[in-house]
Amino acid sequence: MFRLPLRFFAAALALVTGFACAAQPATVRVDYTHSGNALSDQYALERVVIEPLPWPGNTARNFDETNRGQNRVEVVDAKTGDLLYSRGFSTVFGEWRTTDEANKISRSFQESVRLCAKETMVV
């Protein structure tokens, strides 16, 4: 008796989810190594991945105006120079570089940044 309504609900949910996913842009993940010590740092790109799920964030808020964090990621249109996306963030490396150990040796940390894919992006 409840099978038909449950099947209908499951089909409707799949249909709505499909439309929602199609409307959302993709999520791009940039994996990199952040190395250095208390006085210097270097970045080495590891890979760029298009994640299987769509961007979970608010597409109406592409620009971070809070200026929080020690780092900032920006996506800029290569042709026009227009800013497409920005986010501030902090890392474990940023905290580690304030320790006594960072005054003596260098270390490397694996980090990732996720961002909203844009139509004009080149990956």
PDB file of N, CA and C in Angstrom:
ATOM      1  N   MET A   1       0.813  -1.193   0.000  1.00  0.00           N
ATOM      2  CA  MET A   1       0.000   0.000   0.000  1.00  0.00           C
ATOM      3  C   MET A   1       0.863   1.265   0.000  1.00  0.00           C
ATOM      4  N   PHE A   2       1.997   1.243   0.709  1.00  0.00           N
ATOM      5  CA  PHE A   2       2.848   2.426   0.771  1.00  0.00           C
ATOM      6  C   PHE A   2       3.930   2.420  -0.303  1.00  0.00           C
ATOM      7  N   ARG A   3       4.022   1.366  -1.070  1.00  0.00           N
ATOM      8  CA  ARG A   3       5.095   1.280  -2.057  1.00  0.00           C
ATOM      9  C   ARG A   3       4.956   2.329  -3.155  1.00  0.00           C
ATOM     10  N   LEU A   4       3.774   2.537  -3.663  1.00  0.00           N
ATOM     11  CA  LEU A   4       3.587   3.510  -4.733  1.00  0.00           C
ATOM     12  C   LEU A   4       3.949   4.920  -4.273  1.00  0.00           C
ATOM     13  N   PRO A   5       3.449   5.406  -3.141  1.00  0.00           N
ATOM     14  CA  PRO A   5       3.836   6.750  -2.704  1.00  0.00           C
ATOM     15  C   PRO A   5       5.338   6.877  -2.445  1.00  0.00           C
ATOM     16  N   LEU A   6       5.968   5.837  -1.886  1.00  0.00           N
ATOM     17  CA  LEU A   6       7.398   5.905  -1.628  1.00  0.00           C
ATOM     18  C   LEU A   6       8.186   5.949  -2.930  1.00  0.00           C
ATOM     19  N   ARG A   7       7.767   5.145  -3.908  1.00  0.00           N
ATOM     20  CA  ARG A   7       8.439   5.174  -5.206  1.00  0.00           C
ATOM     21  C   ARG A   7       8.260   6.533  -5.880  1.00  0.00           C
ATOM     22  N   PHE A   8       7.054   7.069  -5.789  1.00  0.00           N
ATOM     23  CA  PHE A   8       6.796   8.378  -6.375  1.00  0.00           C
ATOM     24  C   PHE A   8       7.671   9.440  -5.709  1.00  0.00           C
ATOM     25  N   PHE A   9       7.750   9.380  -4.384  1.00  0.00           N
ATOM     26  CA  PHE A   9       8.572  10.335  -3.643  1.00  0.00           C
ATOM     27  C   PHE A   9      10.044  10.204  -4.030  1.00  0.00           C
ATOM     28  N   ALA A  10      10.530   8.976  -4.141  1.00  0.00           N
ATOM     29  CA  ALA A  10      11.930   8.751  -4.518  1.00  0.00           C
ATOM     30  C   ALA A  10      12.204   9.275  -5.924  1.00  0.00           C
ATOM     31  N   ALA A  11      11.272   9.049  -6.854  1.00  0.00           N
ATOM     32  CA  ALA A  11      11.454   9.541  -8.223  1.00  0.00           C
ATOM     33  C   ALA A  11      11.427  11.065  -8.260  1.00  0.00           C
ATOM     34  N   ALA A  12      10.514  11.663  -7.513  1.00  0.00           N
ATOM     35  CA  ALA A  12      10.428  13.128  -7.471  1.00  0.00           C
ATOM     36  C   ALA A  12      11.685  13.727  -6.854  1.00  0.00           C
ATOM     37  N   LEU A  13      12.181  13.099  -5.805  1.00  0.00           N
ATOM     38  CA  LEU A  13      13.400  13.578  -5.149  1.00  0.00           C
ATOM     39  C   LEU A  13      14.596  13.484  -6.093  1.00  0.00           C
ATOM     40  N   ALA A  14      14.699  12.392  -6.826  1.00  0.00           N
ATOM     41  CA  ALA A  14      15.799  12.234  -7.782  1.00  0.00           C
ATOM     42  C   ALA A  14      15.707  13.282  -8.884  1.00  0.00           C
ATOM     43  N   LEU A  15      14.499  13.566  -9.339  1.00  0.00           N
ATOM     44  CA  LEU A  15      14.311  14.564 -10.389  1.00  0.00           C
ATOM     45  C   LEU A  15      14.704  15.953  -9.896  1.00  0.00           C
ATOM     46  N   VAL A  16      14.239  16.323  -8.718  1.00  0.00           N
ATOM     47  CA  VAL A  16      14.562  17.640  -8.150  1.00  0.00           C
ATOM     48  C   VAL A  16      16.049  17.749  -7.877  1.00  0.00           C
ATOM     49  N   THR A  17      16.656  16.709  -7.334  1.00  0.00           N
ATOM     50  CA  THR A  17      18.091  16.718  -7.054  1.00  0.00           C
ATOM     51  C   THR A  17      18.882  16.863  -8.344  1.00  0.00           C
ATOM     52  N   GLY A  18      18.449  16.201  -9.394  1.00  0.00           N
ATOM     53  CA  GLY A  18      19.124  16.325 -10.685  1.00  0.00           C
ATOM     54  C   GLY A  18      19.079  17.741 -11.212  1.00  0.00           C
ATOM     55  N   PHE A  19      17.920  18.401 -11.082  1.00  0.00           N
ATOM     56  CA  PHE A  19      17.821  19.791 -11.526  1.00  0.00           C
ATOM     57  C   PHE A  19      18.678  20.704 -10.672  1.00  0.00           C
ATOM     58  N   ALA A  20      18.711  20.466  -9.374  1.00  0.00           N
ATOM     59  CA  ALA A  20      19.513  21.307  -8.483  1.00  0.00           C
ATOM     60  C   ALA A  20      20.991  21.160  -8.800  1.00  0.00           C
ATOM     61  N   CYS A  21      21.423  19.932  -9.062  1.00  0.00           N
ATOM     62  CA  CYS A  21      22.836  19.714  -9.373  1.00  0.00           C
ATOM     63  C   CYS A  21      23.202  20.340 -10.710  1.00  0.00           C
ATOM     64  N   ALA A  22      22.294  20.275 -11.671  1.00  0.00           N
ATOM     65  CA  ALA A  22      22.588  20.849 -12.978  1.00  0.00           C
ATOM     66  C   ALA A  22      22.697  22.366 -12.897  1.00  0.00           C
ATOM     67  N   ALA A  23      21.955  22.984 -11.969  1.00  0.00           N
ATOM     68  CA  ALA A  23      21.964  24.435 -11.838  1.00  0.00           C
ATOM     69  C   ALA A  23      23.203  24.932 -11.100  1.00  0.00           C
ATOM     70  N   GLN A  24      23.810  24.111 -10.280  1.00  0.00           N
ATOM     71  CA  GLN A  24      24.973  24.516  -9.493  1.00  0.00           C
ATOM     72  C   GLN A  24      26.255  24.316 -10.296  1.00  0.00           C
ATOM     73  N   PRO A  25      27.206  25.248 -10.174  1.00  0.00           N
ATOM     74  CA  PRO A  25      28.495  25.058 -10.847  1.00  0.00           C
ATOM     75  C   PRO A  25      29.315  23.959 -10.178  1.00  0.00           C
ATOM     76  N   ALA A  26      30.333  23.530 -10.855  1.00  0.00           N
ATOM     77  CA  ALA A  26      31.211  22.484 -10.330  1.00  0.00           C
ATOM     78  C   ALA A  26      32.094  23.033  -9.210  1.00  0.00           C
ATOM     79  N   THR A  27      32.671  22.116  -8.445  1.00  0.00           N
ATOM     80  CA  THR A  27      33.626  22.467  -7.397  1.00  0.00           C
ATOM     81  C   THR A  27      35.019  22.081  -7.873  1.00  0.00           C
ATOM     82  N   VAL A  28      35.942  23.019  -7.799  1.00  0.00           N
ATOM     83  CA  VAL A  28      37.333  22.791  -8.175  1.00  0.00           C
ATOM     84  C   VAL A  28      38.155  22.724  -6.893  1.00  0.00           C
ATOM     85  N   ARG A  29      39.005  21.706  -6.793  1.00  0.00           N
ATOM     86  CA  ARG A  29      39.907  21.590  -5.640  1.00  0.00           C
ATOM     87  C   ARG A  29      41.343  21.691  -6.134  1.00  0.00           C
ATOM     88  N   VAL A  30      42.100  22.572  -5.516  1.00  0.00           N
ATOM     89  CA  VAL A  30      43.512  22.738  -5.839  1.00  0.00           C
ATOM     90  C   VAL A  30      44.310  22.182  -4.666  1.00  0.00           C
ATOM     91  N   ASP A  31      45.090  21.129  -4.917  1.00  0.00           N
ATOM     92  CA  ASP A  31      45.952  20.520  -3.900  1.00  0.00           C
ATOM     93  C   ASP A  31      47.368  21.017  -4.116  1.00  0.00           C
ATOM     94  N   TYR A  32      48.021  21.420  -3.037  1.00  0.00           N
ATOM     95  CA  TYR A  32      49.380  21.948  -3.142  1.00  0.00           C
ATOM     96  C   TYR A  32      50.151  21.683  -1.860  1.00  0.00           C
ATOM     97  N   THR A  33      51.466  21.843  -1.933  1.00  0.00           N
ATOM     98  CA  THR A  33      52.335  21.720  -0.763  1.00  0.00           C
ATOM     99  C   THR A  33      52.817  23.110  -0.392  1.00  0.00           C
ATOM    100  N   HIS A  34      52.683  23.431   0.886  1.00  0.00           N
ATOM    101  CA  HIS A  34      53.111  24.720   1.425  1.00  0.00           C
ATOM    102  C   HIS A  34      54.327  24.441   2.307  1.00  0.00           C
ATOM    103  N   SER A  35      55.480  24.948   1.909  1.00  0.00           N
ATOM    104  CA  SER A  35      56.739  24.673   2.612  1.00  0.00           C
ATOM    105  C   SER A  35      57.367  25.971   3.082  1.00  0.00           C
ATOM    106  N   GLY A  36      58.229  25.840   4.091  1.00  0.00           N
ATOM    107  CA  GLY A  36      58.972  27.010   4.528  1.00  0.00           C
ATOM    108  C   GLY A  36      59.335  26.954   5.992  1.00  0.00           C
ATOM    109  N   ASN A  37      59.645  28.137   6.522  1.00  0.00           N
ATOM    110  CA  ASN A  37      60.011  28.283   7.930  1.00  0.00           C
ATOM    111  C   ASN A  37      59.432  29.605   8.431  1.00  0.00           C
ATOM    112  N   ALA A  38      59.972  30.125   9.515  1.00  0.00           N
ATOM    113  CA  ALA A  38      59.432  31.353  10.096  1.00  0.00           C
ATOM    114  C   ALA A  38      59.620  32.565   9.194  1.00  0.00           C
ATOM    115  N   LEU A  39      60.608  32.522   8.313  1.00  0.00           N
ATOM    116  CA  LEU A  39      60.939  33.699   7.508  1.00  0.00           C
ATOM    117  C   LEU A  39      60.511  33.624   6.046  1.00  0.00           C
ATOM    118  N   SER A  40      60.276  32.426   5.534  1.00  0.00           N
ATOM    119  CA  SER A  40      59.942  32.304   4.113  1.00  0.00           C
ATOM    120  C   SER A  40      58.971  31.155   3.887  1.00  0.00           C
ATOM    121  N   ASP A  41      58.303  31.198   2.743  1.00  0.00           N
ATOM    122  CA  ASP A  41      57.448  30.072   2.370  1.00  0.00           C
ATOM    123  C   ASP A  41      57.400  29.938   0.858  1.00  0.00           C
ATOM    124  N   GLN A  42      57.128  28.701   0.410  1.00  0.00           N
ATOM    125  CA  GLN A  42      57.043  28.354  -1.002  1.00  0.00           C
ATOM    126  C   GLN A  42      55.812  27.481  -1.210  1.00  0.00           C
ATOM    127  N   TYR A  43      55.300  27.515  -2.432  1.00  0.00           N
ATOM    128  CA  TYR A  43      54.144  26.716  -2.803  1.00  0.00           C
ATOM    129  C   TYR A  43      54.506  25.838  -3.990  1.00  0.00           C
ATOM    130  N   ALA A  44      54.026  24.593  -3.978  1.00  0.00           N
ATOM    131  CA  ALA A  44      54.229  23.668  -5.096  1.00  0.00           C
ATOM    132  C   ALA A  44      52.881  23.035  -5.437  1.00  0.00           C
ATOM    133  N   LEU A  45      52.415  23.259  -6.649  1.00  0.00           N
ATOM    134  CA  LEU A  45      51.144  22.709  -7.101  1.00  0.00           C
ATOM    135  C   LEU A  45      51.251  21.198  -7.249  1.00  0.00           C
ATOM    136  N   GLU A  46      50.297  20.475  -6.671  1.00  0.00           N
ATOM    137  CA  GLU A  46      50.248  19.015  -6.803  1.00  0.00           C
ATOM    138  C   GLU A  46      49.258  18.594  -7.882  1.00  0.00           C
ATOM    139  N   ARG A  47      48.011  19.099  -7.790  1.00  0.00           N
ATOM    140  CA  ARG A  47      47.015  18.748  -8.798  1.00  0.00           C
ATOM    141  C   ARG A  47      45.800  19.661  -8.676  1.00  0.00           C
ATOM    142  N   VAL A  48      45.020  19.684  -9.748  1.00  0.00           N
ATOM    143  CA  VAL A  48      43.749  20.401  -9.787  1.00  0.00           C
ATOM    144  C   VAL A  48      42.684  19.371 -10.124  1.00  0.00           C
ATOM    145  N   VAL A  49      41.633  19.303  -9.313  1.00  0.00           N
ATOM    146  CA  VAL A  49      40.607  18.269  -9.448  1.00  0.00           C
ATOM    147  C   VAL A  49      39.230  18.916  -9.580  1.00  0.00           C
ATOM    148  N   ILE A  50      38.436  18.433 -10.529  1.00  0.00           N
ATOM    149  CA  ILE A  50      37.019  18.788 -10.584  1.00  0.00           C
ATOM    150  C   ILE A  50      36.305  17.741  -9.739  1.00  0.00           C
ATOM    151  N   GLU A  51      35.734  18.169  -8.611  1.00  0.00           N
ATOM    152  CA  GLU A  51      35.093  17.220  -7.699  1.00  0.00           C
ATOM    153  C   GLU A  51      33.767  16.727  -8.282  1.00  0.00           C
ATOM    154  N   PRO A  52      33.326  15.522  -7.882  1.00  0.00           N
ATOM    155  CA  PRO A  52      32.121  14.938  -8.475  1.00  0.00           C
ATOM    156  C   PRO A  52      30.822  15.628  -8.053  1.00  0.00           C
ATOM    157  N   LEU A  53      30.824  16.315  -6.932  1.00  0.00           N
ATOM    158  CA  LEU A  53      29.609  16.987  -6.470  1.00  0.00           C
ATOM    159  C   LEU A  53      29.662  18.470  -6.817  1.00  0.00           C
ATOM    160  N   PRO A  54      28.503  19.105  -6.997  1.00  0.00           N
ATOM    161  CA  PRO A  54      28.493  20.525  -7.349  1.00  0.00           C
ATOM    162  C   PRO A  54      28.941  21.404  -6.181  1.00  0.00           C
ATOM    163  N   TRP A  55      29.188  22.662  -6.472  1.00  0.00           N
ATOM    164  CA  TRP A  55      29.618  23.638  -5.477  1.00  0.00           C
ATOM    165  C   TRP A  55      28.556  23.762  -4.383  1.00  0.00           C
ATOM    166  N   PRO A  56      28.936  23.540  -3.100  1.00  0.00           N
ATOM    167  CA  PRO A  56      27.957  23.585  -2.020  1.00  0.00           C
ATOM    168  C   PRO A  56      27.707  24.993  -1.485  1.00  0.00           C
ATOM    169  N   GLY A  57      28.514  25.944  -1.903  1.00  0.00           N
ATOM    170  CA  GLY A  57      28.413  27.296  -1.351  1.00  0.00           C
ATOM    171  C   GLY A  57      27.358  28.150  -2.032  1.00  0.00           C
ATOM    172  N   ASN A  58      27.224  29.348  -1.520  1.00  0.00           N
ATOM    173  CA  ASN A  58      26.278  30.321  -2.040  1.00  0.00           C
ATOM    174  C   ASN A  58      26.875  30.983  -3.278  1.00  0.00           C
ATOM    175  N   THR A  59      26.293  30.741  -4.439  1.00  0.00           N
ATOM    176  CA  THR A  59      26.837  31.302  -5.679  1.00  0.00           C
ATOM    177  C   THR A  59      26.571  32.800  -5.796  1.00  0.00           C
ATOM    178  N   ALA A  60      25.717  33.326  -4.957  1.00  0.00           N
ATOM    179  CA  ALA A  60      25.461  34.767  -4.964  1.00  0.00           C
ATOM    180  C   ALA A  60      26.543  35.529  -4.198  1.00  0.00           C
ATOM    181  N   ARG A  61      27.383  34.811  -3.445  1.00  0.00           N
ATOM    182  CA  ARG A  61      28.439  35.453  -2.647  1.00  0.00           C
ATOM    183  C   ARG A  61      29.800  34.954  -3.116  1.00  0.00           C
ATOM    184  N   ASN A  62      30.216  35.406  -4.270  1.00  0.00           N
ATOM    185  CA  ASN A  62      31.486  34.958  -4.844  1.00  0.00           C
ATOM    186  C   ASN A  62      32.697  35.690  -4.285  1.00  0.00           C
ATOM    187  N   PHE A  63      32.476  36.821  -3.637  1.00  0.00           N
ATOM    188  CA  PHE A  63      33.600  37.618  -3.156  1.00  0.00           C
ATOM    189  C   PHE A  63      33.607  37.673  -1.639  1.00  0.00           C
ATOM    190  N   ASP A  64      34.756  37.387  -1.061  1.00  0.00           N
ATOM    191  CA  ASP A  64      34.939  37.428   0.388  1.00  0.00           C
ATOM    192  C   ASP A  64      35.404  38.831   0.764  1.00  0.00           C
ATOM    193  N   GLU A  65      34.551  39.549   1.467  1.00  0.00           N
ATOM    194  CA  GLU A  65      34.877  40.913   1.869  1.00  0.00           C
ATOM    195  C   GLU A  65      35.253  41.003   3.339  1.00  0.00           C
ATOM    196  N   THR A  66      35.407  39.852   4.012  1.00  0.00           N
ATOM    197  CA  THR A  66      35.712  39.862   5.444  1.00  0.00           C
ATOM    198  C   THR A  66      37.193  40.075   5.727  1.00  0.00           C
ATOM    199  N   ASN A  67      38.046  39.785   4.745  1.00  0.00           N
ATOM    200  CA  ASN A  67      39.506  39.890   4.916  1.00  0.00           C
ATOM    201  C   ASN A  67      40.018  39.073   6.095  1.00  0.00           C
ATOM    202  N   ARG A  68      39.422  37.914   6.309  1.00  0.00           N
ATOM    203  CA  ARG A  68      39.871  37.014   7.376  1.00  0.00           C
ATOM    204  C   ARG A  68      40.885  36.036   6.827  1.00  0.00           C
ATOM    205  N   GLY A  69      41.822  35.645   7.677  1.00  0.00           N
ATOM    206  CA  GLY A  69      42.819  34.653   7.297  1.00  0.00           C
ATOM    207  C   GLY A  69      44.095  35.280   6.795  1.00  0.00           C
ATOM    208  N   GLN A  70      45.152  34.488   6.840  1.00  0.00           N
ATOM    209  CA  GLN A  70      46.472  34.943   6.405  1.00  0.00           C
ATOM    210  C   GLN A  70      46.656  34.805   4.898  1.00  0.00           C
ATOM    211  N   ASN A  71      45.822  34.005   4.255  1.00  0.00           N
ATOM    212  CA  ASN A  71      45.948  33.736   2.820  1.00  0.00           C
ATOM    213  C   ASN A  71      44.662  34.126   2.111  1.00  0.00           C
ATOM    214  N   ARG A  72      44.768  34.268   0.815  1.00  0.00           N
ATOM    215  CA  ARG A  72      43.600  34.603   0.002  1.00  0.00           C
ATOM    216  C   ARG A  72      43.736  33.908  -1.349  1.00  0.00           C
ATOM    217  N   VAL A  73      42.661  33.271  -1.780  1.00  0.00           N
ATOM    218  CA  VAL A  73      42.624  32.673  -3.110  1.00  0.00           C
ATOM    219  C   VAL A  73      41.714  33.550  -3.969  1.00  0.00           C
ATOM    220  N   GLU A  74      42.182  33.839  -5.172  1.00  0.00           N
ATOM    221  CA  GLU A  74      41.403  34.647  -6.104  1.00  0.00           C
ATOM    222  C   GLU A  74      41.391  33.973  -7.471  1.00  0.00           C
ATOM    223  N   VAL A  75      40.236  34.003  -8.122  1.00  0.00           N
ATOM    224  CA  VAL A  75      40.107  33.533  -9.493  1.00  0.00           C
ATOM    225  C   VAL A  75      39.849  34.772 -10.338  1.00  0.00           C
ATOM    226  N   VAL A  76      40.722  34.973 -11.322  1.00  0.00           N
ATOM    227  CA  VAL A  76      40.654  36.164 -12.165  1.00  0.00           C
ATOM    228  C   VAL A  76      40.447  35.740 -13.617  1.00  0.00           C
ATOM    229  N   ASP A  77      39.579  36.437 -14.320  1.00  0.00           N
ATOM    230  CA  ASP A  77      39.367  36.178 -15.740  1.00  0.00           C
ATOM    231  C   ASP A  77      40.649  36.525 -16.490  1.00  0.00           C
ATOM    232  N   ALA A  78      41.188  35.567 -17.228  1.00  0.00           N
ATOM    233  CA  ALA A  78      42.473  35.756 -17.913  1.00  0.00           C
ATOM    234  C   ALA A  78      42.401  36.831 -18.996  1.00  0.00           C
ATOM    235  N   LYS A  79      41.255  37.002 -19.624  1.00  0.00           N
ATOM    236  CA  LYS A  79      41.138  37.980 -20.711  1.00  0.00           C
ATOM    237  C   LYS A  79      40.904  39.398 -20.203  1.00  0.00           C
ATOM    238  N   THR A  80      40.013  39.533 -19.230  1.00  0.00           N
ATOM    239  CA  THR A  80      39.620  40.872 -18.785  1.00  0.00           C
ATOM    240  C   THR A  80      40.303  41.318 -17.504  1.00  0.00           C
ATOM    241  N   GLY A  81      40.802  40.356 -16.720  1.00  0.00           N
ATOM    242  CA  GLY A  81      41.387  40.696 -15.430  1.00  0.00           C
ATOM    243  C   GLY A  81      40.352  40.896 -14.340  1.00  0.00           C
ATOM    244  N   ASP A  82      39.081  40.645 -14.654  1.00  0.00           N
ATOM    245  CA  ASP A  82      38.009  40.798 -13.671  1.00  0.00           C
ATOM    246  C   ASP A  82      38.100  39.713 -12.609  1.00  0.00           C
ATOM    247  N   LEU A  83      37.853  40.091 -11.370  1.00  0.00           N
ATOM    248  CA  LEU A  83      37.829  39.141 -10.263  1.00  0.00           C
ATOM    249  C   LEU A  83      36.530  38.348 -10.334  1.00  0.00           C
ATOM    250  N   LEU A  84      36.637  37.004 -10.362  1.00  0.00           N
ATOM    251  CA  LEU A  84      35.473  36.129 -10.452  1.00  0.00           C
ATOM    252  C   LEU A  84      35.102  35.518  -9.111  1.00  0.00           C
ATOM    253  N   TYR A  85      36.102  35.303  -8.248  1.00  0.00           N
ATOM    254  CA  TYR A  85      35.874  34.602  -6.982  1.00  0.00           C
ATOM    255  C   TYR A  85      37.021  34.923  -6.036  1.00  0.00           C
ATOM    256  N   SER A  86      36.726  35.056  -4.740  1.00  0.00           N
ATOM    257  CA  SER A  86      37.789  35.256  -3.750  1.00  0.00           C
ATOM    258  C   SER A  86      37.359  34.692  -2.401  1.00  0.00           C
ATOM    259  N   ARG A  87      38.330  34.172  -1.652  1.00  0.00           N
ATOM    260  CA  ARG A  87      38.109  33.676  -0.293  1.00  0.00           C
ATOM    261  C   ARG A  87      39.386  33.842   0.511  1.00  0.00           C
ATOM    262  N   GLY A  88      39.238  34.272   1.758  1.00  0.00           N
ATOM    263  CA  GLY A  88      40.351  34.320   2.690  1.00  0.00           C
ATOM    264  C   GLY A  88      40.360  33.051   3.522  1.00  0.00           C
ATOM    265  N   PHE A  89      41.540  32.618   3.942  1.00  0.00           N
ATOM    266  CA  PHE A  89      41.634  31.405   4.752  1.00  0.00           C
ATOM    267  C   PHE A  89      42.958  31.379   5.503  1.00  0.00           C
ATOM    268  N   SER A  90      43.004  30.578   6.544  1.00  0.00           N
ATOM    269  CA  SER A  90      44.233  30.348   7.304  1.00  0.00           C
ATOM    270  C   SER A  90      44.600  28.881   7.212  1.00  0.00           C
ATOM    271  N   THR A  91      45.863  28.570   7.497  1.00  0.00           N
ATOM    272  CA  THR A  91      46.343  27.194   7.379  1.00  0.00           C
ATOM    273  C   THR A  91      47.098  26.778   8.633  1.00  0.00           C
ATOM    274  N   VAL A  92      47.343  25.487   8.740  1.00  0.00           N
ATOM    275  CA  VAL A  92      48.169  24.969   9.829  1.00  0.00           C
ATOM    276  C   VAL A  92      49.591  25.503   9.687  1.00  0.00           C
ATOM    277  N   PHE A  93      50.072  25.644   8.447  1.00  0.00           N
ATOM    278  CA  PHE A  93      51.409  26.200   8.232  1.00  0.00           C
ATOM    279  C   PHE A  93      51.517  27.590   8.852  1.00  0.00           C
ATOM    280  N   GLY A  94      50.485  28.393   8.702  1.00  0.00           N
ATOM    281  CA  GLY A  94      50.488  29.734   9.273  1.00  0.00           C
ATOM    282  C   GLY A  94      50.636  29.729  10.781  1.00  0.00           C
ATOM    283  N   GLU A  95      50.033  28.760  11.440  1.00  0.00           N
ATOM    284  CA  GLU A  95      50.198  28.638  12.893  1.00  0.00           C
ATOM    285  C   GLU A  95      51.571  28.082  13.230  1.00  0.00           C
ATOM    286  N   TRP A  96      52.018  27.056  12.484  1.00  0.00           N
ATOM    287  CA  TRP A  96      53.303  26.421  12.775  1.00  0.00           C
ATOM    288  C   TRP A  96      54.451  27.410  12.643  1.00  0.00           C
ATOM    289  N   ARG A  97      54.383  28.316  11.676  1.00  0.00           N
ATOM    290  CA  ARG A  97      55.509  29.229  11.449  1.00  0.00           C
ATOM    291  C   ARG A  97      55.733  30.190  12.609  1.00  0.00           C
ATOM    292  N   THR A  98      54.795  30.244  13.565  1.00  0.00           N
ATOM    293  CA  THR A  98      54.974  31.092  14.751  1.00  0.00           C
ATOM    294  C   THR A  98      55.642  30.338  15.902  1.00  0.00           C
ATOM    295  N   THR A  99      55.958  29.056  15.713  1.00  0.00           N
ATOM    296  CA  THR A  99      56.568  28.259  16.778  1.00  0.00           C
ATOM    297  C   THR A  99      58.090  28.404  16.777  1.00  0.00           C
ATOM    298  N   ASP A 100      58.709  27.977  17.868  1.00  0.00           N
ATOM    299  CA  ASP A 100      60.175  27.986  17.964  1.00  0.00           C
ATOM    300  C   ASP A 100      60.798  27.065  16.920  1.00  0.00           C
ATOM    301  N   GLU A 101      60.141  25.943  16.650  1.00  0.00           N
ATOM    302  CA  GLU A 101      60.666  24.990  15.671  1.00  0.00           C
ATOM    303  C   GLU A 101      60.829  25.639  14.292  1.00  0.00           C
ATOM    304  N   ALA A 102      59.908  26.512  13.924  1.00  0.00           N
ATOM    305  CA  ALA A 102      59.966  27.159  12.606  1.00  0.00           C
ATOM    306  C   ALA A 102      61.156  28.103  12.479  1.00  0.00           C
ATOM    307  N   ASN A 103      61.726  28.530  13.598  1.00  0.00           N
ATOM    308  CA  ASN A 103      62.937  29.362  13.570  1.00  0.00           C
ATOM    309  C   ASN A 103      64.183  28.535  13.290  1.00  0.00           C
ATOM    310  N   LYS A 104      64.070  27.202  13.437  1.00  0.00           N
ATOM    311  CA  LYS A 104      65.239  26.326  13.306  1.00  0.00           C
ATOM    312  C   LYS A 104      65.234  25.491  12.028  1.00  0.00           C
ATOM    313  N   ILE A 105      64.057  25.026  11.606  1.00  0.00           N
ATOM    314  CA  ILE A 105      63.983  24.118  10.453  1.00  0.00           C
ATOM    315  C   ILE A 105      62.830  24.514   9.530  1.00  0.00           C
ATOM    316  N   SER A 106      62.840  23.943   8.344  1.00  0.00           N
ATOM    317  CA  SER A 106      61.734  24.107   7.394  1.00  0.00           C
ATOM    318  C   SER A 106      60.890  22.839   7.385  1.00  0.00           C
ATOM    319  N   ARG A 107      59.630  23.003   7.085  1.00  0.00           N
ATOM    320  CA  ARG A 107      58.705  21.868   6.978  1.00  0.00           C
ATOM    321  C   ARG A 107      57.773  22.089   5.795  1.00  0.00           C
ATOM    322  N   SER A 108      57.093  20.998   5.408  1.00  0.00           N
ATOM    323  CA  SER A 108      56.107  21.062   4.328  1.00  0.00           C
ATOM    324  C   SER A 108      54.764  20.563   4.837  1.00  0.00           C
ATOM    325  N   PHE A 109      53.709  21.206   4.389  1.00  0.00           N
ATOM    326  CA  PHE A 109      52.352  20.840   4.760  1.00  0.00           C
ATOM    327  C   PHE A 109      51.521  20.708   3.487  1.00  0.00           C
ATOM    328  N   GLN A 110      50.715  19.643   3.419  1.00  0.00           N
ATOM    329  CA  GLN A 110      49.801  19.498   2.288  1.00  0.00           C
ATOM    330  C   GLN A 110      48.545  20.302   2.598  1.00  0.00           C
ATOM    331  N   GLU A 111      48.105  21.080   1.618  1.00  0.00           N
ATOM    332  CA  GLU A 111      46.930  21.921   1.790  1.00  0.00           C
ATOM    333  C   GLU A 111      46.052  21.814   0.551  1.00  0.00           C
ATOM    334  N   SER A 112      44.793  22.186   0.707  1.00  0.00           N
ATOM    335  CA  SER A 112      43.848  22.212  -0.414  1.00  0.00           C
ATOM    336  C   SER A 112      42.969  23.444  -0.304  1.00  0.00           C
ATOM    337  N   VAL A 113      42.583  23.945  -1.455  1.00  0.00           N
ATOM    338  CA  VAL A 113      41.635  25.050  -1.534  1.00  0.00           C
ATOM    339  C   VAL A 113      40.520  24.604  -2.458  1.00  0.00           C
ATOM    340  N   ARG A 114      39.281  24.807  -2.032  1.00  0.00           N
ATOM    341  CA  ARG A 114      38.127  24.490  -2.875  1.00  0.00           C
ATOM    342  C   ARG A 114      37.508  25.796  -3.335  1.00  0.00           C
ATOM    343  N   LEU A 115      37.117  25.819  -4.604  1.00  0.00           N
ATOM    344  CA  LEU A 115      36.502  27.034  -5.118  1.00  0.00           C
ATOM    345  C   LEU A 115      35.437  26.714  -6.142  1.00  0.00           C
ATOM    346  N   CYS A 116      34.599  27.694  -6.367  1.00  0.00           N
ATOM    347  CA  CYS A 116      33.478  27.556  -7.286  1.00  0.00           C
ATOM    348  C   CYS A 116      33.975  27.717  -8.715  1.00  0.00           C
ATOM    349  N   ALA A 117      33.694  26.732  -9.559  1.00  0.00           N
ATOM    350  CA  ALA A 117      34.111  26.799 -10.965  1.00  0.00           C
ATOM    351  C   ALA A 117      33.255  27.816 -11.704  1.00  0.00           C
ATOM    352  N   LYS A 118      33.894  28.555 -12.572  1.00  0.00           N
ATOM    353  CA  LYS A 118      33.210  29.552 -13.400  1.00  0.00           C
ATOM    354  C   LYS A 118      33.300  29.137 -14.861  1.00  0.00           C
ATOM    355  N   GLU A 119      32.385  29.626 -15.667  1.00  0.00           N
ATOM    356  CA  GLU A 119      32.366  29.267 -17.089  1.00  0.00           C
ATOM    357  C   GLU A 119      33.648  29.698 -17.785  1.00  0.00           C
ATOM    358  N   THR A 120      34.236  30.798 -17.334  1.00  0.00           N
ATOM    359  CA  THR A 120      35.409  31.351 -18.011  1.00  0.00           C
ATOM    360  C   THR A 120      36.723  30.826 -17.452  1.00  0.00           C
ATOM    361  N   MET A 121      36.663  29.890 -16.492  1.00  0.00           N
ATOM    362  CA  MET A 121      37.889  29.346 -15.910  1.00  0.00           C
ATOM    363  C   MET A 121      38.559  28.383 -16.871  1.00  0.00           C
ATOM    364  N   VAL A 122      39.869  28.353 -16.825  1.00  0.00           N
ATOM    365  CA  VAL A 122      40.646  27.364 -17.561  1.00  0.00           C
ATOM    366  C   VAL A 122      41.316  26.481 -16.533  1.00  0.00           C
ATOM    367  N   VAL A 123      41.014  25.186 -16.546  1.00  0.00           N
ATOM    368  CA  VAL A 123      41.591  24.261 -15.565  1.00  0.00           C
ATOM    369  C   VAL A 123      42.592  23.378 -16.265  1.00  0.00           C
TER     370      VAL A 123
END
